[in-house]
Protein backbone atom coordinates (compact mmCIF):
# COMPACT_ATOMS: atom_id res chain seq x y z
CA MET A 1 115.01 179.87 101.02
CA TYR A 2 111.77 181.27 100.40
CA ARG A 3 110.36 178.35 97.35
CA SER A 4 110.55 175.88 100.32
CA ALA A 5 109.09 178.22 102.92
CA ALA A 6 106.13 178.99 100.17
CA ARG A 7 105.18 175.25 99.93
CA ARG A 8 105.44 175.04 103.84
CA LEU A 9 103.11 178.31 104.35
CA LEU A 10 100.50 178.36 101.31
CA PRO A 11 98.78 175.10 102.39
CA ALA A 12 99.03 177.31 105.85
CA VAL A 13 97.24 180.34 104.86
CA CYS A 14 95.14 178.32 102.58
CA ARG A 15 93.66 176.10 105.68
CA ARG A 16 93.83 180.04 108.03
CA THR A 17 91.89 181.89 105.31
CA GLY A 18 89.60 178.85 103.95
CA HIS A 19 91.51 179.41 100.51
CA PHE A 20 90.87 175.91 98.45
CA ARG A 21 90.87 175.65 95.08
CA SER A 22 89.30 171.79 94.98
CA LYS A 23 86.23 170.75 96.75
CA ALA A 24 85.07 172.17 99.90
CA PHE A 25 86.37 169.18 102.55
CA PRO A 26 84.20 167.54 105.15
CA VAL A 27 84.21 169.32 108.09
CA ARG A 28 84.47 167.16 111.73
CA PHE A 29 82.06 168.69 114.28
CA SER A 30 83.97 168.21 118.02
CA ALA A 31 82.64 169.12 121.49
CA PRO A 32 84.67 170.01 124.81
CA ILE A 33 83.98 166.69 126.89
CA ILE A 34 84.17 167.24 130.75
CA HIS A 35 85.80 164.62 133.17
CA PRO A 36 84.61 163.80 136.46
CA ALA A 37 88.12 162.51 137.21
CA ALA A 38 89.31 165.66 137.59
CA PHE A 39 87.17 166.57 140.50
CA SER A 40 87.64 163.40 142.05
CA ALA A 41 91.61 163.63 142.07
CA ALA A 42 90.95 167.51 143.88
CA ALA A 43 88.76 165.87 146.50
CA ALA A 44 91.05 163.55 147.05
CA SER A 45 93.86 166.18 147.19
CA GLU A 46 91.52 167.51 149.45
CA ASN A 47 90.88 164.50 151.85
CA ALA A 48 94.72 164.29 153.05
CA ARG A 49 94.96 167.61 153.44
CA ASN A 50 92.18 168.25 155.48
CA HIS A 51 90.93 164.46 157.12
CA LYS A 52 88.36 165.52 159.50
CA LEU A 53 86.09 166.82 156.79
CA ASN A 54 86.67 163.34 154.85
CA ASN A 55 83.30 161.97 155.11
CA PHE A 56 82.40 166.06 154.26
CA GLU A 57 84.57 166.17 151.29
CA ALA A 58 83.60 162.48 149.81
CA SER A 59 80.04 163.73 149.33
CA ASN A 60 80.75 166.77 147.73
CA SER A 61 82.97 165.12 145.39
CA SER A 62 79.91 162.38 144.60
CA SER A 63 77.48 164.74 144.62
CA SER A 64 79.76 166.61 141.89
CA SER A 65 80.87 163.86 139.81
CA SER A 66 77.18 162.62 139.20
CA SER A 67 76.00 166.31 138.29
CA ASN A 68 78.26 166.50 135.54
CA GLU A 69 77.94 162.78 134.47
CA GLY A 70 74.65 164.51 134.00
CA ARG A 71 75.71 167.61 132.07
CA LYS A 72 75.69 167.39 128.16
CA PRO A 73 78.84 168.26 127.01
CA ARG A 74 79.26 171.85 125.01
CA VAL A 75 78.62 171.32 121.17
CA THR A 76 80.28 174.56 119.75
CA ASP A 77 77.41 176.05 116.95
CA ARG A 78 80.09 177.09 114.67
CA PRO A 79 82.78 175.86 114.16
CA LYS A 80 86.08 177.86 113.54
CA ALA A 81 86.89 175.60 109.84
CA HIS A 82 83.73 175.94 108.48
CA TRP A 83 83.50 179.54 110.18
CA GLN A 84 86.73 179.98 107.68
CA GLU A 85 85.46 178.20 104.94
CA GLU A 86 82.41 180.71 104.77
CA GLN A 87 85.04 183.97 104.75
CA ALA A 88 87.04 182.05 102.16
CA ARG A 89 83.47 181.50 100.26
CA VAL A 90 82.83 185.83 100.76
CA LEU A 91 86.14 186.85 99.42
CA GLN A 92 86.19 184.83 96.51
CA ALA A 93 82.90 185.92 95.58
CA SER A 94 83.38 189.55 96.95
CA LEU A 95 86.36 189.42 94.00
CA ARG A 96 83.24 189.40 91.11
CA HIS A 97 82.16 191.94 92.65
CA VAL A 98 85.54 194.44 92.95
CA ILE A 99 85.04 195.58 89.35
CA SER A 100 82.02 197.68 89.90
CA LEU A 101 82.67 198.54 93.68
CA GLY A 102 86.19 198.72 94.57
CA TRP A 103 87.99 196.90 97.11
CA SER A 104 85.50 197.83 99.55
CA ASP A 105 82.83 196.52 102.45
CA ALA A 106 80.44 197.00 99.72
CA ALA A 107 82.30 194.21 97.03
CA MET A 108 82.59 191.95 100.49
CA ILE A 109 78.48 192.63 101.51
CA ALA A 110 77.42 191.63 97.86
CA GLY A 111 80.11 188.73 97.96
CA ALA A 112 78.17 187.19 100.72
CA ARG A 113 74.48 188.27 99.54
CA GLU A 114 75.96 186.19 96.50
CA VAL A 115 76.86 182.73 98.11
CA GLY A 116 74.02 182.98 100.84
CA VAL A 117 75.51 183.92 103.65
CA SER A 118 74.84 187.04 106.03
CA PRO A 119 76.52 190.31 105.50
CA SER A 120 77.14 190.41 108.88
CA ILE A 121 80.07 188.52 108.45
CA VAL A 122 82.05 191.24 107.01
CA GLY A 123 82.31 192.28 110.30
CA SER A 124 84.24 189.24 111.36
CA PHE A 125 87.66 190.45 109.10
CA PRO A 126 89.10 192.94 111.19
CA ARG A 127 91.14 194.45 108.31
CA LYS A 128 88.09 194.22 105.69
CA GLU A 129 89.75 195.40 102.62
CA ALA A 130 92.89 194.23 103.11
CA ALA A 131 91.98 190.99 103.39
CA LEU A 132 90.19 191.18 100.29
CA VAL A 133 93.16 192.42 98.62
CA GLU A 134 95.29 190.09 100.40
CA PHE A 135 93.08 186.26 99.61
CA PHE A 136 93.59 188.21 95.80
CA MET A 137 97.15 188.33 96.34
CA ASP A 138 97.53 184.82 97.59
CA ASP A 139 95.31 183.17 94.95
CA CYS A 140 97.13 184.75 92.25
CA LEU A 141 100.15 182.99 93.42
CA GLN A 142 98.49 179.78 93.77
CA ARG A 143 97.63 180.10 90.30
CA LEU A 144 100.89 181.30 89.17
CA ILE A 145 102.58 177.96 90.82
CA ASP A 146 99.98 175.53 89.18
CA ILE A 147 100.96 177.17 85.51
CA ILE A 148 104.98 176.69 86.27
CA ASP A 149 104.14 173.05 87.76
CA LEU A 150 102.25 172.23 84.61
CA LYS A 151 104.08 173.83 82.16
CA GLU A 152 106.41 171.90 80.18
CA ASP A 153 107.29 174.85 78.10
CA LEU A 154 109.05 177.18 80.42
CA THR A 155 112.00 174.58 80.18
CA ASN A 156 112.63 175.41 77.05
CA LEU A 157 113.27 178.87 76.95
CA ILE A 158 116.02 181.25 78.21
CA PRO A 159 116.45 182.16 81.51
CA SER A 160 115.76 185.79 80.57
CA ASN A 161 112.76 185.29 78.50
CA ARG A 162 111.53 182.53 81.44
CA VAL A 163 111.45 185.72 83.79
CA ALA A 164 109.59 187.26 81.70
CA LYS A 165 106.88 185.65 80.49
CA LEU A 166 106.30 184.66 84.64
CA VAL A 167 106.00 188.35 85.61
CA ARG A 168 103.64 188.57 82.16
CA ILE A 169 101.34 185.99 83.76
CA ARG A 170 101.19 186.96 87.23
CA LEU A 171 100.01 190.63 86.01
CA GLU A 172 97.68 189.58 83.20
CA MET A 173 96.24 188.06 86.42
CA GLN A 174 94.99 191.18 87.89
CA ALA A 175 94.11 192.83 84.02
CA PRO A 176 90.66 192.61 85.08
CA TYR A 177 90.80 194.50 87.59
CA ILE A 178 93.37 197.57 86.16
CA SER A 179 90.61 200.12 87.10
CA LYS A 180 90.83 199.35 90.66
CA TRP A 181 94.01 198.32 91.07
CA PRO A 182 95.60 201.80 92.02
CA GLN A 183 93.11 201.42 95.52
CA ALA A 184 94.31 198.05 95.65
CA LEU A 185 98.07 199.64 96.01
CA SER A 186 97.49 202.40 98.29
CA ILE A 187 95.44 199.69 100.74
CA GLN A 188 98.58 197.62 100.53
CA ALA A 189 100.77 200.85 100.64
CA GLN A 190 98.93 201.00 104.38
CA PRO A 191 101.16 200.73 107.39
CA SER A 192 99.01 198.07 109.09
CA ASN A 193 99.12 196.21 105.68
CA ILE A 194 102.69 197.05 104.03
CA ALA A 195 104.73 193.86 106.52
CA THR A 196 102.73 191.23 104.48
CA SER A 197 102.00 192.96 100.51
CA PHE A 198 106.22 193.06 101.16
CA LYS A 199 105.75 188.91 102.09
CA GLN A 200 103.83 188.31 99.54
CA ARG A 201 105.72 189.75 97.12
CA ALA A 202 108.48 188.34 98.23
CA MET A 203 107.37 185.16 97.93
CA LEU A 204 105.75 185.57 94.17
CA VAL A 205 109.68 186.81 93.29
CA ASP A 206 110.98 183.98 94.84
CA GLU A 207 108.87 181.74 93.20
CA ILE A 208 109.31 183.03 89.50
CA TRP A 209 113.76 182.96 90.08
CA HIS A 210 113.38 179.97 91.32
CA ALA A 211 111.15 178.51 88.05
CA ALA A 212 114.43 180.21 86.10
CA GLY A 213 116.49 177.96 87.37
CA ASP A 214 118.16 179.69 90.00
CA GLU A 215 120.07 177.88 92.64
CA SER A 216 122.58 181.01 93.99
CA THR A 217 122.74 181.26 98.08
CA ASP A 218 125.28 184.21 98.14
CA ILE A 219 124.62 187.60 98.06
CA ASP A 220 123.33 186.93 94.19
CA TRP A 221 119.97 185.59 95.71
CA TYR A 222 119.47 188.66 97.19
CA VAL A 223 120.65 190.52 95.29
CA LYS A 224 118.79 189.18 92.39
CA ARG A 225 115.34 189.38 94.38
CA THR A 226 115.60 193.01 95.00
CA VAL A 227 116.32 193.53 91.44
CA LEU A 228 113.53 191.76 89.88
CA GLY A 229 110.73 193.39 92.42
CA GLY A 230 112.17 196.01 91.22
CA ILE A 231 111.41 195.37 87.63
CA TYR A 232 107.72 194.02 89.16
CA SER A 233 106.69 197.28 90.65
CA THR A 234 107.60 199.17 87.79
CA THR A 235 105.88 197.09 85.57
CA GLU A 236 102.82 197.11 87.70
CA ILE A 237 103.02 201.08 87.65
CA TYR A 238 103.40 201.46 84.41
CA MET A 239 100.48 198.92 83.44
CA LEU A 240 97.97 201.51 85.28
CA THR A 241 98.73 203.74 82.58
CA ASP A 242 98.92 201.71 79.56
CA THR A 243 96.04 201.80 77.00
CA SER A 244 98.07 200.67 74.07
CA PRO A 245 95.29 198.47 71.92
CA GLY A 246 97.58 196.66 69.59
CA PHE A 247 95.95 193.95 67.84
CA ALA A 248 92.94 194.39 69.70
CA HIS A 249 91.70 197.00 68.65
CA LEU A 250 88.59 196.19 67.08
CA LEU A 251 86.99 194.93 70.28
CA SER A 252 88.07 198.04 72.08
CA VAL A 253 90.19 196.37 74.51
CA VAL A 254 93.30 197.22 75.95
CA ASP A 255 96.02 194.22 75.62
CA PHE A 256 98.76 195.99 77.30
CA ARG A 257 101.27 195.51 74.80
CA ASP A 258 103.68 198.73 75.79
CA THR A 259 103.74 197.16 79.08
CA TRP A 260 105.55 193.15 78.10
CA ALA A 261 107.64 195.71 75.51
CA PHE A 262 108.75 197.58 78.77
CA LEU A 263 108.92 194.87 80.91
CA ASP A 264 111.16 192.98 78.33
CA GLU A 265 113.06 195.31 77.76
CA ARG A 266 114.06 195.74 81.95
CA VAL A 267 114.37 192.08 81.60
CA ARG A 268 116.84 191.96 79.24
CA GLU A 269 119.11 195.26 80.73
CA ALA A 270 119.05 193.69 84.30
CA PHE A 271 120.49 189.89 82.61
CA ASP A 272 122.62 192.13 80.61
CA LEU A 273 124.18 193.95 83.91
CA LYS A 274 124.35 190.72 85.44
CA LYS A 275 126.62 189.58 82.45
CA THR A 276 128.64 192.56 82.53
CA VAL A 277 129.76 192.23 85.92
CA GLN A 278 130.78 189.07 86.34
CA GLU A 279 132.84 189.36 82.79
CA GLU A 280 134.28 192.58 84.60
CA ASN A 281 135.09 189.90 88.03
CA LEU A 282 136.26 187.92 85.41
CA ASP A 283 139.09 189.86 83.73
CA SER A 284 139.97 191.82 87.51
CA VAL A 285 140.88 188.10 89.09
CA PRO A 286 145.02 188.03 88.82
CA TYR A 287 146.06 185.13 86.88
């Protein structure tokens, strides 16, 4: 369900936000053309209704057509596609400033200056910080889809390990921003942003289940995605409090060893519960 929706919607989201992973596409400039025929038709209609003013209307139509033919077509100074592309460049550059400035206007202004765009472009984002967080979420989802499509070793894993691995890959993408992630969560939880946040997470969870080989179409479809959504969210919160150094302690780098152990345990419990329920259902079937 969401898998097919994601395939259709992601390119549309990319076009809407200007979020492209390839080289910038050529922008075609077009200008609206004023057609004098519209004025001629209006004049003819007026002549039919007011035959006494035929000569007067004809002269007006002729002069109107000649003036419109000599008028230059209006050209849009900043085509929409070009504007959206600049917004995407600003958002992408802003992510490099989030660690020091947070998910804020300041990070977006710094990103605009980095790519040589006027900081006033930040005012074109209606929800500013939310736009930055949502851009990051869309980017991570696209990167995860690319990994799923390219990593053949995922098919060699059993479903539970595949799910745990994909959740870990996705959470590792936000590890560099871990010190600022509580702010991102608070932005996503705001009433005006929670609908988009829910949709983004629903598409993420569905993508993971699809990669795990899930083809359910009944009530299990909803149960599986609800359970995995809960596992993802609780692991995400656990990650914020994890300071386990693991093998990287010599470099003073947190590698979230405890978080991944927590994730593996939650996924194992979920699959064990599913197996137990299936066995109970089989036992209850009369012979």
